[in-house]
C-alpha cells in the first residue's frame, strides 16, 4: 500500500511539473519591436509616430491559450515623430508626460479566432482614462533566433481608437481623432522555453 501511495505522490508531482512547464514567459525585444501609430494631419496626410521606450511581457499557456496574458507599459516621453518640433508638440500638448508618464495595456482575455489569429482583449489606459479595447493579432512565427539562439515569438497587432475617448481633444478636428495603432513584436523567452542551440 505504501508503494502505491508513493507512486501517486510521484505522479502528482510529475503532472504538476508538466503543467508548470507549459507556462512560457517572454519579454519584448526592444530593438526589433515597434509600437507605432498614424494620425490625420489637416486632412492632407497621416503623420506617423512611434514610442521608443517601453516594456512588454507575455505569459503564454500553450495548453490553454485563453489563460495567457499580455502586459505593456509605454513611456509617453519617448514619442518620436521624426521631427524635433513635432516631437515636442505631440509630447507636451497631447501626451503630457509630466502628468501622465505612461500608457498601459493589461489583457483580460485572449480569444483564438483562427489558425494564426487571436483577439487580445484588455484595458488600455491613456491620459488617466481606461477603456476596454481589442487587439487584432496575427501570429507570425516562433523558433530560435539564428543569431543569439534565444527562443523567440513574433506577432503583429492592430487597434483603432479615438483619442477623444481618452480625453485628448486638443486641436480637433484639424489633428485627427482617429488613431491607427500597429504593433510589431519580437519577444524573447526568459523562462519556461527550451533554448535551441542548433536551429
Foldseek 3Di string as FASTA:
>chain_A
DVVVVVVVVVVVVVVVVVQVLQKWKWKFDQVQKWKKKWWDAQVPGIFIKTFRDKIKMKTARPVDRFPIWIKMKTFLLRIDRPDPVVSCCCSVQFQNCVQVGIKMWIFDTWADDDPFWIWTWTWIAGPNDIDIFTWTKGWDDWDADPPPQFTKTKMKTKGKDFSVNNVRDPPPPNIPRIMIIMIITIITTDPSDDRDPDD
